[in-house]
């Protein structure tokens, strides 16, 4: 059943995805929701650039906006792929939980498999965070150079990416806290916190810049 959901994830409508998210199945979950937020933010960045291209007032930034549209399209697809990846990462973990642990050998084998599965499950949201940071560079570009009629959409993209980063960070920790390898767990957690701090700083700068612009130009 989990495998069927994984294979269908990108083909779902938003209504279907939300319905699946609301049920008692383990996937999609918070990681998939974070990746969807990333895809929406990338799409908003592309929207800002698309509303800028072809406008005489913005002739000087046409090349930048065309590049932004291209890069945002790539990121949008990568985020959508990460929805599936996050779901797929759960399957080995679910299987590890079901392994027998009667004998000492079985317990040892289960622990080893759990460690591998937990690490994979933590690395998936970490990749979402890395893509979130990458997407923020595009949002910053859209907010600075894009059409002023769509600047609020750049601010929205920044806010959505902060939510994605926070959500993904929680999904790193929920897995690392169960790992016995504290060194690896600590490395993953520190990496997640470093990226989260960078994302929060950048989203705050973008959001405040957009808010200030809108207030000045009422």
N, C-alpha and C. Protein backbone atom coordinates (compact mmCIF):
# COMPACT_ATOMS: atom_id res chain seq x y z
N UNK A 1 0.83 -1.21 0.00
CA UNK A 1 0.00 0.00 0.00
C UNK A 1 0.87 1.26 0.00
N UNK A 2 1.95 1.24 0.82
CA UNK A 2 2.86 2.38 0.86
C UNK A 2 3.51 2.57 -0.50
N UNK A 3 3.94 1.48 -1.16
CA UNK A 3 4.58 1.56 -2.46
C UNK A 3 3.63 2.18 -3.49
N UNK A 4 2.35 1.80 -3.45
CA UNK A 4 1.38 2.36 -4.39
C UNK A 4 1.27 3.86 -4.21
N UNK A 5 1.26 4.32 -2.95
CA UNK A 5 1.16 5.76 -2.69
C UNK A 5 2.40 6.48 -3.20
N UNK A 6 3.59 5.86 -3.01
CA UNK A 6 4.82 6.48 -3.48
C UNK A 6 4.77 6.70 -4.99
N UNK A 7 4.34 5.68 -5.72
CA UNK A 7 4.35 5.74 -7.16
C UNK A 7 3.33 6.75 -7.70
N UNK A 8 2.29 7.01 -6.91
CA UNK A 8 1.22 7.89 -7.38
C UNK A 8 1.42 9.34 -6.97
N UNK A 9 2.38 9.60 -6.09
CA UNK A 9 2.47 10.91 -5.45
C UNK A 9 2.46 12.09 -6.41
N UNK A 10 3.34 12.07 -7.42
CA UNK A 10 3.43 13.21 -8.33
C UNK A 10 2.25 13.31 -9.28
N UNK A 11 1.52 12.21 -9.43
CA UNK A 11 0.36 12.23 -10.32
C UNK A 11 -0.92 12.71 -9.61
N UNK A 12 -0.82 12.89 -8.30
CA UNK A 12 -2.00 13.30 -7.54
C UNK A 12 -2.37 14.75 -7.84
N UNK A 13 -3.66 15.05 -7.80
CA UNK A 13 -4.08 16.45 -7.78
C UNK A 13 -3.80 16.99 -6.39
N UNK A 14 -3.84 18.31 -6.24
CA UNK A 14 -3.65 18.90 -4.92
C UNK A 14 -4.72 18.42 -3.95
N UNK A 15 -5.95 18.28 -4.46
CA UNK A 15 -7.04 17.80 -3.61
C UNK A 15 -6.77 16.38 -3.13
N UNK A 16 -6.27 15.53 -4.03
CA UNK A 16 -5.96 14.15 -3.65
C UNK A 16 -4.81 14.10 -2.65
N UNK A 17 -3.79 14.94 -2.90
CA UNK A 17 -2.63 14.96 -2.00
C UNK A 17 -3.07 15.39 -0.60
N UNK A 18 -3.89 16.43 -0.53
CA UNK A 18 -4.37 16.90 0.78
C UNK A 18 -5.21 15.83 1.46
N UNK A 19 -6.00 15.10 0.69
CA UNK A 19 -6.82 14.04 1.26
C UNK A 19 -5.94 12.92 1.81
N UNK A 20 -4.92 12.52 1.04
CA UNK A 20 -3.99 11.49 1.52
C UNK A 20 -3.25 11.95 2.76
N UNK A 21 -2.88 13.22 2.76
CA UNK A 21 -2.14 13.78 3.89
C UNK A 21 -2.98 13.76 5.17
N UNK A 22 -4.27 13.86 5.02
CA UNK A 22 -5.16 13.94 6.19
C UNK A 22 -5.49 12.58 6.79
N UNK A 23 -5.10 11.49 6.10
CA UNK A 23 -5.46 10.16 6.57
C UNK A 23 -4.46 9.57 7.54
N UNK A 24 -4.60 8.26 7.79
CA UNK A 24 -3.74 7.60 8.78
C UNK A 24 -2.55 6.87 8.15
N UNK A 25 -2.31 7.08 6.85
CA UNK A 25 -1.15 6.48 6.20
C UNK A 25 0.12 7.25 6.58
N UNK A 26 1.27 6.57 6.68
CA UNK A 26 2.51 7.26 7.08
C UNK A 26 3.06 8.21 6.02
N UNK A 27 2.70 7.97 4.76
CA UNK A 27 3.12 8.88 3.68
C UNK A 27 1.91 9.21 2.83
N UNK A 28 1.83 10.44 2.31
CA UNK A 28 2.77 11.55 2.53
C UNK A 28 2.67 12.09 3.94
N UNK A 29 3.75 12.74 4.37
CA UNK A 29 3.78 13.32 5.70
C UNK A 29 4.40 14.70 5.68
N UNK A 30 5.02 15.07 6.79
CA UNK A 30 5.59 16.41 6.91
C UNK A 30 6.68 16.70 5.89
N UNK A 31 7.51 15.70 5.58
CA UNK A 31 8.56 15.90 4.60
C UNK A 31 8.00 16.18 3.22
N UNK A 32 6.99 15.41 2.83
CA UNK A 32 6.35 15.63 1.54
C UNK A 32 5.68 16.98 1.47
N UNK A 33 5.07 17.39 2.58
CA UNK A 33 4.42 18.71 2.63
C UNK A 33 5.47 19.81 2.48
N UNK A 34 6.64 19.63 3.10
CA UNK A 34 7.72 20.62 2.98
C UNK A 34 8.19 20.73 1.54
N UNK A 35 8.34 19.58 0.87
CA UNK A 35 8.78 19.60 -0.53
C UNK A 35 7.74 20.25 -1.42
N UNK A 36 6.46 20.02 -1.13
CA UNK A 36 5.40 20.68 -1.91
C UNK A 36 5.47 22.19 -1.73
N UNK A 37 5.73 22.64 -0.50
CA UNK A 37 5.90 24.08 -0.26
C UNK A 37 7.04 24.63 -1.11
N UNK A 38 8.13 23.87 -1.18
CA UNK A 38 9.26 24.30 -2.00
C UNK A 38 8.88 24.44 -3.46
N UNK A 39 8.11 23.48 -3.96
CA UNK A 39 7.67 23.53 -5.36
C UNK A 39 6.78 24.74 -5.61
N UNK A 40 5.90 25.05 -4.67
CA UNK A 40 5.00 26.21 -4.81
C UNK A 40 5.80 27.51 -4.80
N UNK A 41 6.80 27.59 -3.93
CA UNK A 41 7.62 28.80 -3.86
C UNK A 41 8.43 28.98 -5.15
N UNK A 42 8.97 27.89 -5.68
CA UNK A 42 9.70 27.97 -6.94
C UNK A 42 8.78 28.44 -8.05
N UNK A 43 7.55 27.94 -8.05
CA UNK A 43 6.57 28.35 -9.06
C UNK A 43 6.24 29.84 -8.93
N UNK A 44 6.12 30.33 -7.71
CA UNK A 44 5.86 31.76 -7.51
C UNK A 44 7.01 32.61 -8.01
N UNK A 45 8.23 32.15 -7.80
CA UNK A 45 9.40 32.89 -8.30
C UNK A 45 9.35 32.98 -9.82
N UNK A 46 9.00 31.87 -10.45
CA UNK A 46 8.88 31.85 -11.90
C UNK A 46 7.76 32.78 -12.37
N UNK A 47 6.69 32.84 -11.61
CA UNK A 47 5.58 33.73 -11.95
C UNK A 47 6.03 35.19 -11.96
N UNK A 48 6.79 35.58 -10.95
CA UNK A 48 7.29 36.96 -10.88
C UNK A 48 8.14 37.27 -12.11
N UNK A 49 9.04 36.33 -12.43
CA UNK A 49 9.90 36.54 -13.59
C UNK A 49 9.10 36.57 -14.89
N UNK A 50 8.10 35.72 -14.98
CA UNK A 50 7.28 35.66 -16.21
C UNK A 50 6.50 36.95 -16.41
N UNK A 51 6.10 37.58 -15.32
CA UNK A 51 5.38 38.85 -15.41
C UNK A 51 6.33 40.02 -15.70
N UNK A 52 7.62 39.76 -15.64
CA UNK A 52 8.63 40.79 -15.89
C UNK A 52 9.14 40.75 -17.33
N UNK A 53 9.28 39.52 -17.84
CA UNK A 53 9.80 39.34 -19.20
C UNK A 53 8.87 40.00 -20.22
N UNK A 54 9.48 40.70 -21.15
CA UNK A 54 8.71 41.34 -22.21
C UNK A 54 8.24 42.75 -21.90
N UNK A 55 8.48 43.21 -20.67
CA UNK A 55 8.08 44.57 -20.29
C UNK A 55 9.22 45.54 -20.58
N UNK A 56 8.91 46.61 -21.31
CA UNK A 56 9.92 47.59 -21.72
C UNK A 56 10.65 48.18 -20.51
N UNK A 57 9.90 48.40 -19.44
CA UNK A 57 10.48 48.98 -18.23
C UNK A 57 11.60 48.12 -17.66
N UNK A 58 11.56 46.81 -17.96
CA UNK A 58 12.51 45.88 -17.35
C UNK A 58 13.44 45.24 -18.39
N UNK A 59 13.69 45.96 -19.46
CA UNK A 59 14.55 45.43 -20.53
C UNK A 59 15.93 45.03 -20.01
N UNK A 60 16.44 45.78 -19.05
CA UNK A 60 17.80 45.53 -18.56
C UNK A 60 17.94 44.20 -17.82
N UNK A 61 16.83 43.65 -17.37
CA UNK A 61 16.91 42.40 -16.58
C UNK A 61 16.28 41.21 -17.30
N UNK A 62 16.02 41.34 -18.59
CA UNK A 62 15.37 40.26 -19.33
C UNK A 62 16.16 38.95 -19.26
N UNK A 63 17.46 39.03 -19.46
CA UNK A 63 18.29 37.81 -19.42
C UNK A 63 18.25 37.18 -18.03
N UNK A 64 18.31 38.01 -17.00
CA UNK A 64 18.25 37.50 -15.63
C UNK A 64 16.93 36.81 -15.36
N UNK A 65 15.84 37.40 -15.84
CA UNK A 65 14.52 36.83 -15.59
C UNK A 65 14.31 35.53 -16.37
N UNK A 66 14.84 35.48 -17.58
CA UNK A 66 14.73 34.23 -18.35
C UNK A 66 15.52 33.11 -17.68
N UNK A 67 16.69 33.46 -17.14
CA UNK A 67 17.48 32.47 -16.41
C UNK A 67 16.75 32.03 -15.14
N UNK A 68 16.08 32.98 -14.49
CA UNK A 68 15.34 32.66 -13.28
C UNK A 68 14.20 31.69 -13.59
N UNK A 69 13.49 31.94 -14.69
CA UNK A 69 12.39 31.05 -15.09
C UNK A 69 12.91 29.63 -15.32
N UNK A 70 14.05 29.54 -15.99
CA UNK A 70 14.65 28.23 -16.25
C UNK A 70 15.03 27.52 -14.95
N UNK A 71 15.73 28.24 -14.08
CA UNK A 71 16.20 27.63 -12.83
C UNK A 71 15.04 27.30 -11.89
N UNK A 72 14.04 28.16 -11.86
CA UNK A 72 12.88 27.91 -11.01
C UNK A 72 12.11 26.69 -11.49
N UNK A 73 12.04 26.51 -12.82
CA UNK A 73 11.38 25.33 -13.36
C UNK A 73 12.10 24.06 -12.96
N UNK A 74 13.43 24.11 -13.01
CA UNK A 74 14.21 22.94 -12.59
C UNK A 74 13.98 22.63 -11.12
N UNK A 75 14.04 23.67 -10.29
CA UNK A 75 13.84 23.46 -8.86
C UNK A 75 12.44 22.96 -8.54
N UNK A 76 11.46 23.48 -9.25
CA UNK A 76 10.08 23.02 -9.02
C UNK A 76 9.98 21.51 -9.24
N UNK A 77 10.58 21.03 -10.32
CA UNK A 77 10.54 19.60 -10.61
C UNK A 77 11.35 18.80 -9.59
N UNK A 78 12.46 19.37 -9.14
CA UNK A 78 13.27 18.67 -8.13
C UNK A 78 12.52 18.57 -6.81
N UNK A 79 11.83 19.62 -6.43
CA UNK A 79 11.03 19.56 -5.20
C UNK A 79 9.94 18.50 -5.32
N UNK A 80 9.28 18.45 -6.46
CA UNK A 80 8.24 17.44 -6.66
C UNK A 80 8.83 16.04 -6.59
N UNK A 81 10.03 15.88 -7.12
CA UNK A 81 10.71 14.59 -7.01
C UNK A 81 11.03 14.24 -5.57
N UNK A 82 11.31 15.25 -4.76
CA UNK A 82 11.62 15.02 -3.34
C UNK A 82 10.40 14.59 -2.54
N UNK A 83 9.20 14.89 -3.03
CA UNK A 83 8.00 14.36 -2.38
C UNK A 83 8.04 12.84 -2.46
N UNK A 84 8.34 12.33 -3.65
CA UNK A 84 8.43 10.88 -3.83
C UNK A 84 9.61 10.30 -3.04
N UNK A 85 10.74 11.02 -3.08
CA UNK A 85 11.92 10.51 -2.38
C UNK A 85 11.67 10.40 -0.88
N UNK A 86 10.97 11.37 -0.33
CA UNK A 86 10.68 11.34 1.10
C UNK A 86 9.78 10.16 1.43
N UNK A 87 8.81 9.89 0.56
CA UNK A 87 7.93 8.75 0.78
C UNK A 87 8.69 7.44 0.66
N UNK A 88 9.58 7.37 -0.33
CA UNK A 88 10.36 6.15 -0.54
C UNK A 88 11.30 5.87 0.63
N UNK A 89 11.79 6.94 1.26
CA UNK A 89 12.72 6.78 2.39
C UNK A 89 12.03 6.13 3.59
N UNK A 90 10.71 6.22 3.65
CA UNK A 90 10.00 5.64 4.78
C UNK A 90 9.90 4.12 4.68
N UNK A 91 9.87 3.60 3.46
CA UNK A 91 9.65 2.16 3.27
C UNK A 91 10.68 1.30 4.01
N UNK A 92 12.01 1.56 3.87
CA UNK A 92 12.98 0.75 4.61
C UNK A 92 12.82 0.88 6.12
N UNK A 93 12.42 2.05 6.59
CA UNK A 93 12.23 2.25 8.02
C UNK A 93 11.05 1.43 8.52
N UNK A 94 9.96 1.45 7.76
CA UNK A 94 8.79 0.65 8.13
C UNK A 94 9.16 -0.83 8.16
N UNK A 95 9.96 -1.26 7.19
CA UNK A 95 10.38 -2.67 7.13
C UNK A 95 11.27 -3.02 8.31
N UNK A 96 12.15 -2.09 8.69
CA UNK A 96 13.07 -2.34 9.82
C UNK A 96 12.30 -2.50 11.13
N UNK A 97 11.26 -1.71 11.31
CA UNK A 97 10.44 -1.83 12.52
C UNK A 97 9.80 -3.21 12.64
N UNK A 98 9.55 -3.85 11.49
CA UNK A 98 8.87 -5.15 11.51
C UNK A 98 9.82 -6.33 11.66
N UNK A 99 11.13 -6.07 11.64
CA UNK A 99 12.10 -7.17 11.75
C UNK A 99 12.01 -7.85 13.12
N UNK A 100 12.21 -9.16 13.16
CA UNK A 100 12.16 -9.88 14.45
C UNK A 100 13.31 -9.47 15.36
N UNK A 101 13.09 -9.59 16.66
CA UNK A 101 14.15 -9.24 17.62
C UNK A 101 14.11 -10.20 18.80
N UNK A 102 13.92 -11.48 18.48
CA UNK A 102 13.87 -12.49 19.54
C UNK A 102 15.24 -12.88 20.03
N UNK A 103 16.12 -13.27 19.11
CA UNK A 103 17.48 -13.68 19.49
C UNK A 103 18.42 -12.48 19.48
N UNK A 104 19.59 -12.67 20.05
CA UNK A 104 20.58 -11.60 20.06
C UNK A 104 21.01 -11.25 18.63
N UNK A 105 21.13 -12.29 17.79
CA UNK A 105 21.49 -12.05 16.39
C UNK A 105 20.43 -11.22 15.69
N UNK A 106 19.17 -11.55 15.94
CA UNK A 106 18.07 -10.80 15.33
C UNK A 106 18.04 -9.35 15.82
N UNK A 107 18.29 -9.18 17.10
CA UNK A 107 18.32 -7.81 17.66
C UNK A 107 19.44 -6.98 17.02
N UNK A 108 20.61 -7.61 16.86
CA UNK A 108 21.74 -6.90 16.26
C UNK A 108 21.45 -6.54 14.81
N UNK A 109 20.86 -7.49 14.08
CA UNK A 109 20.53 -7.24 12.67
C UNK A 109 19.47 -6.14 12.56
N UNK A 110 18.53 -6.15 13.47
CA UNK A 110 17.47 -5.13 13.45
C UNK A 110 18.05 -3.75 13.75
N UNK A 111 18.95 -3.68 14.74
CA UNK A 111 19.58 -2.40 15.08
C UNK A 111 20.36 -1.84 13.89
N UNK A 112 21.11 -2.71 13.22
CA UNK A 112 21.90 -2.28 12.08
C UNK A 112 21.00 -1.75 10.96
N UNK A 113 19.91 -2.46 10.70
CA UNK A 113 18.99 -2.04 9.64
C UNK A 113 18.27 -0.75 10.02
N UNK A 114 17.93 -0.62 11.29
CA UNK A 114 17.27 0.60 11.78
C UNK A 114 18.17 1.81 11.59
N UNK A 115 19.46 1.65 11.89
CA UNK A 115 20.39 2.76 11.75
C UNK A 115 20.47 3.23 10.30
N UNK A 116 20.56 2.27 9.39
CA UNK A 116 20.62 2.62 7.97
C UNK A 116 19.33 3.33 7.53
N UNK A 117 18.21 2.78 7.96
CA UNK A 117 16.92 3.35 7.55
C UNK A 117 16.69 4.73 8.16
N UNK A 118 17.07 4.91 9.41
CA UNK A 118 16.90 6.21 10.06
C UNK A 118 17.78 7.27 9.42
N UNK A 119 18.99 6.87 9.06
CA UNK A 119 19.88 7.83 8.40
C UNK A 119 19.30 8.25 7.05
N UNK A 120 18.81 7.30 6.29
CA UNK A 120 18.21 7.63 4.99
C UNK A 120 16.99 8.52 5.18
N UNK A 121 16.19 8.20 6.18
CA UNK A 121 14.98 8.99 6.44
C UNK A 121 15.31 10.41 6.89
N UNK A 122 16.47 10.61 7.53
CA UNK A 122 16.89 11.94 7.95
C UNK A 122 17.54 12.71 6.80
N UNK A 123 18.22 11.99 5.91
CA UNK A 123 18.90 12.66 4.80
C UNK A 123 17.92 13.22 3.77
N UNK A 124 16.77 12.60 3.63
CA UNK A 124 15.79 13.07 2.65
C UNK A 124 15.30 14.49 2.96
N UNK A 125 14.82 14.79 4.19
CA UNK A 125 14.43 16.16 4.48
C UNK A 125 15.60 17.13 4.47
N UNK A 126 16.81 16.62 4.73
CA UNK A 126 17.99 17.49 4.65
C UNK A 126 18.20 17.96 3.21
N UNK A 127 17.93 17.09 2.25
CA UNK A 127 18.03 17.49 0.85
C UNK A 127 16.95 18.53 0.51
N UNK A 128 15.78 18.39 1.11
CA UNK A 128 14.73 19.39 0.91
C UNK A 128 15.21 20.74 1.41
N UNK A 129 15.90 20.74 2.55
CA UNK A 129 16.43 21.99 3.10
C UNK A 129 17.48 22.60 2.18
N UNK A 130 18.33 21.78 1.61
CA UNK A 130 19.36 22.29 0.70
C UNK A 130 18.73 22.93 -0.53
N UNK A 131 17.68 22.31 -1.06
CA UNK A 131 16.97 22.88 -2.20
C UNK A 131 16.22 24.16 -1.80
N UNK A 132 15.75 24.20 -0.58
CA UNK A 132 15.06 25.39 -0.08
C UNK A 132 16.02 26.58 -0.07
N UNK A 133 17.22 26.35 0.41
CA UNK A 133 18.23 27.40 0.42
C UNK A 133 18.55 27.86 -1.00
N UNK A 134 18.63 26.91 -1.92
CA UNK A 134 18.90 27.25 -3.32
C UNK A 134 17.76 28.07 -3.90
N UNK A 135 16.53 27.70 -3.57
CA UNK A 135 15.36 28.42 -4.08
C UNK A 135 15.31 29.85 -3.55
N UNK A 136 15.81 30.07 -2.35
CA UNK A 136 15.78 31.41 -1.78
C UNK A 136 16.62 32.40 -2.59
N UNK A 137 17.68 31.91 -3.20
CA UNK A 137 18.50 32.79 -4.04
C UNK A 137 17.67 33.30 -5.22
N UNK A 138 16.81 32.45 -5.76
CA UNK A 138 15.94 32.87 -6.86
C UNK A 138 14.88 33.86 -6.38
N UNK A 139 14.35 33.61 -5.21
CA UNK A 139 13.34 34.51 -4.65
C UNK A 139 13.93 35.89 -4.41
N UNK A 140 15.15 35.93 -3.90
CA UNK A 140 15.83 37.20 -3.68
C UNK A 140 15.98 37.96 -5.00
N UNK A 141 16.36 37.24 -6.05
CA UNK A 141 16.52 37.84 -7.37
C UNK A 141 15.17 38.36 -7.89
N UNK A 142 14.13 37.57 -7.71
CA UNK A 142 12.80 37.98 -8.16
C UNK A 142 12.33 39.22 -7.42
N UNK A 143 12.59 39.27 -6.12
CA UNK A 143 12.15 40.42 -5.32
C UNK A 143 12.92 41.69 -5.69
N UNK A 144 14.19 41.56 -6.02
CA UNK A 144 15.04 42.72 -6.33
C UNK A 144 14.83 43.24 -7.74
N UNK A 145 14.64 42.33 -8.70
CA UNK A 145 14.64 42.73 -10.10
C UNK A 145 13.31 42.55 -10.82
N UNK A 146 12.40 41.83 -10.21
CA UNK A 146 11.15 41.52 -10.89
C UNK A 146 10.17 42.68 -10.89
N UNK A 147 9.12 42.50 -11.65
CA UNK A 147 8.08 43.52 -11.76
C UNK A 147 7.50 43.86 -10.39
N UNK A 148 7.34 45.15 -10.13
CA UNK A 148 6.81 45.57 -8.83
C UNK A 148 5.37 45.13 -8.63
N UNK A 149 4.66 44.84 -9.72
CA UNK A 149 3.27 44.42 -9.55
C UNK A 149 3.19 43.01 -8.95
N UNK A 150 4.32 42.29 -8.98
CA UNK A 150 4.33 40.94 -8.44
C UNK A 150 5.28 40.79 -7.25
N UNK A 151 5.74 41.90 -6.70
CA UNK A 151 6.73 41.81 -5.62
C UNK A 151 6.15 41.11 -4.39
N UNK A 152 4.85 41.25 -4.16
CA UNK A 152 4.24 40.57 -3.02
C UNK A 152 4.33 39.05 -3.17
N UNK A 153 4.30 38.58 -4.42
CA UNK A 153 4.41 37.14 -4.66
C UNK A 153 5.80 36.63 -4.31
N UNK A 154 6.81 37.47 -4.51
CA UNK A 154 8.16 37.09 -4.08
C UNK A 154 8.21 37.00 -2.56
N UNK A 155 7.55 37.93 -1.88
CA UNK A 155 7.48 37.87 -0.42
C UNK A 155 6.77 36.62 0.05
N UNK A 156 5.70 36.26 -0.65
CA UNK A 156 4.97 35.03 -0.31
C UNK A 156 5.87 33.80 -0.50
N UNK A 157 6.64 33.80 -1.58
CA UNK A 157 7.54 32.67 -1.83
C UNK A 157 8.56 32.53 -0.70
N UNK A 158 9.07 33.65 -0.21
CA UNK A 158 10.04 33.62 0.89
C UNK A 158 9.40 33.04 2.14
N UNK A 159 8.18 33.48 2.45
CA UNK A 159 7.48 32.99 3.65
C UNK A 159 7.22 31.50 3.56
N UNK A 160 6.84 31.05 2.37
CA UNK A 160 6.57 29.62 2.17
C UNK A 160 7.85 28.80 2.32
N UNK A 161 8.97 29.33 1.84
CA UNK A 161 10.23 28.61 1.96
C UNK A 161 10.71 28.53 3.40
N UNK A 162 10.41 29.55 4.19
CA UNK A 162 10.76 29.45 5.61
C UNK A 162 9.98 28.30 6.26
N UNK A 163 8.70 28.19 5.92
CA UNK A 163 7.89 27.09 6.44
C UNK A 163 8.46 25.74 5.99
N UNK A 164 8.88 25.67 4.73
CA UNK A 164 9.45 24.43 4.21
C UNK A 164 10.71 24.04 4.98
N UNK A 165 11.57 25.03 5.23
CA UNK A 165 12.83 24.76 5.95
C UNK A 165 12.57 24.30 7.38
N UNK A 166 11.66 24.98 8.06
CA UNK A 166 11.32 24.59 9.44
C UNK A 166 10.75 23.18 9.49
N UNK A 167 9.84 22.91 8.57
CA UNK A 167 9.18 21.62 8.52
C UNK A 167 10.19 20.50 8.25
N UNK A 168 11.05 20.72 7.28
CA UNK A 168 12.05 19.72 6.94
C UNK A 168 13.03 19.49 8.10
N UNK A 169 13.39 20.56 8.80
CA UNK A 169 14.31 20.43 9.94
C UNK A 169 13.72 19.53 11.01
N UNK A 170 12.44 19.68 11.27
CA UNK A 170 11.78 18.81 12.25
C UNK A 170 11.82 17.35 11.80
N UNK A 171 11.72 17.15 10.49
CA UNK A 171 11.73 15.79 9.97
C UNK A 171 13.12 15.17 9.96
N UNK A 172 14.14 15.99 10.01
CA UNK A 172 15.49 15.47 10.25
C UNK A 172 15.58 14.97 11.69
N UNK A 173 15.18 15.82 12.62
CA UNK A 173 15.35 15.52 14.04
C UNK A 173 14.51 14.33 14.50
N UNK A 174 13.32 14.18 13.95
CA UNK A 174 12.45 13.09 14.38
C UNK A 174 13.09 11.73 14.09
N UNK A 175 14.00 11.70 13.13
CA UNK A 175 14.71 10.46 12.81
C UNK A 175 16.06 10.35 13.52
N UNK A 176 16.81 11.44 13.59
CA UNK A 176 18.13 11.38 14.23
C UNK A 176 18.03 11.09 15.72
N UNK A 177 16.95 11.51 16.34
CA UNK A 177 16.83 11.29 17.79
C UNK A 177 16.73 9.81 18.15
N UNK A 178 16.39 8.98 17.17
CA UNK A 178 16.27 7.54 17.41
C UNK A 178 17.53 6.78 17.03
N UNK A 179 18.52 7.47 16.45
CA UNK A 179 19.74 6.80 16.01
C UNK A 179 20.66 6.50 17.18
N UNK A 180 21.30 5.34 17.15
CA UNK A 180 22.27 5.00 18.19
C UNK A 180 23.63 5.61 17.88
N UNK A 181 23.91 5.82 16.60
CA UNK A 181 25.17 6.44 16.19
C UNK A 181 25.05 7.95 16.43
N UNK A 182 25.44 8.37 17.63
CA UNK A 182 25.28 9.77 18.01
C UNK A 182 26.17 10.72 17.21
N UNK A 183 27.31 10.22 16.76
CA UNK A 183 28.19 11.07 15.97
C UNK A 183 27.53 11.45 14.64
N UNK A 184 27.00 10.45 13.94
CA UNK A 184 26.32 10.70 12.66
C UNK A 184 25.06 11.52 12.88
N UNK A 185 24.32 11.18 13.92
CA UNK A 185 23.10 11.92 14.23
C UNK A 185 23.41 13.39 14.49
N UNK A 186 24.47 13.63 15.26
CA UNK A 186 24.86 15.00 15.57
C UNK A 186 25.27 15.78 14.33
N UNK A 187 25.98 15.11 13.42
CA UNK A 187 26.39 15.77 12.17
C UNK A 187 25.19 16.17 11.33
N UNK A 188 24.21 15.27 11.24
CA UNK A 188 23.01 15.56 10.46
C UNK A 188 22.21 16.70 11.09
N UNK A 189 22.10 16.67 12.41
CA UNK A 189 21.35 17.71 13.11
C UNK A 189 22.02 19.07 12.98
N UNK A 190 23.33 19.10 13.12
CA UNK A 190 24.05 20.37 12.99
C UNK A 190 23.91 20.94 11.59
N UNK A 191 24.00 20.05 10.60
CA UNK A 191 23.84 20.50 9.22
C UNK A 191 22.45 21.10 9.01
N UNK A 192 21.45 20.42 9.55
CA UNK A 192 20.08 20.91 9.41
C UNK A 192 19.91 22.26 10.10
N UNK A 193 20.48 22.43 11.27
CA UNK A 193 20.34 23.69 12.00
C UNK A 193 21.09 24.82 11.31
N UNK A 194 22.22 24.51 10.71
CA UNK A 194 22.98 25.53 9.97
C UNK A 194 22.17 26.03 8.77
N UNK A 195 21.61 25.09 8.02
CA UNK A 195 20.82 25.48 6.85
C UNK A 195 19.56 26.22 7.28
N UNK A 196 18.92 25.76 8.35
CA UNK A 196 17.71 26.42 8.84
C UNK A 196 18.01 27.86 9.23
N UNK A 197 19.12 28.09 9.93
CA UNK A 197 19.49 29.45 10.33
C UNK A 197 19.71 30.34 9.10
N UNK A 198 20.40 29.80 8.10
CA UNK A 198 20.63 30.57 6.87
C UNK A 198 19.31 30.90 6.19
N UNK A 199 18.42 29.92 6.11
CA UNK A 199 17.12 30.13 5.46
C UNK A 199 16.28 31.15 6.22
N UNK A 200 16.29 31.06 7.53
CA UNK A 200 15.51 32.01 8.33
C UNK A 200 16.02 33.43 8.17
N UNK A 201 17.34 33.59 8.18
CA UNK A 201 17.92 34.93 7.99
C UNK A 201 17.54 35.50 6.63
N UNK A 202 17.65 34.66 5.60
CA UNK A 202 17.38 35.13 4.25
C UNK A 202 15.89 35.42 4.05
N UNK A 203 15.02 34.56 4.55
CA UNK A 203 13.58 34.80 4.39
C UNK A 203 13.16 36.07 5.13
N UNK A 204 13.76 36.31 6.27
CA UNK A 204 13.43 37.52 7.03
C UNK A 204 13.84 38.76 6.25
N UNK A 205 15.04 38.72 5.65
CA UNK A 205 15.50 39.88 4.87
C UNK A 205 14.58 40.14 3.68
N UNK A 206 14.24 39.08 2.97
CA UNK A 206 13.38 39.25 1.80
C UNK A 206 12.00 39.74 2.20
N UNK A 207 11.43 39.11 3.22
CA UNK A 207 10.08 39.47 3.64
C UNK A 207 10.02 40.92 4.11
N UNK A 208 11.00 41.34 4.90
CA UNK A 208 11.01 42.71 5.39
C UNK A 208 11.22 43.71 4.26
N UNK A 209 12.07 43.34 3.31
CA UNK A 209 12.31 44.21 2.15
C UNK A 209 11.04 44.40 1.34
N UNK A 210 10.32 43.32 1.10
CA UNK A 210 9.08 43.40 0.34
C UNK A 210 8.03 44.18 1.12
N UNK A 211 7.91 43.91 2.41
CA UNK A 211 6.93 44.61 3.24
C UNK A 211 7.22 46.11 3.27
N UNK A 212 8.49 46.48 3.40
CA UNK A 212 8.86 47.90 3.42
C UNK A 212 8.54 48.57 2.10
N UNK A 213 8.82 47.88 1.00
CA UNK A 213 8.52 48.45 -0.32
C UNK A 213 7.02 48.69 -0.46
N UNK A 214 6.22 47.74 -0.06
CA UNK A 214 4.76 47.88 -0.21
C UNK A 214 4.23 49.02 0.66
N UNK A 215 4.79 49.19 1.86
CA UNK A 215 4.33 50.25 2.75
C UNK A 215 4.73 51.63 2.21
N UNK A 216 5.91 51.70 1.59
CA UNK A 216 6.37 52.97 1.04
C UNK A 216 5.58 53.39 -0.20
N UNK A 217 5.01 52.40 -0.88
CA UNK A 217 4.36 52.68 -2.15
C UNK A 217 2.85 52.43 -2.08
N UNK A 218 2.26 52.78 -0.98
CA UNK A 218 0.81 52.63 -0.83
C UNK A 218 0.08 53.69 -1.65
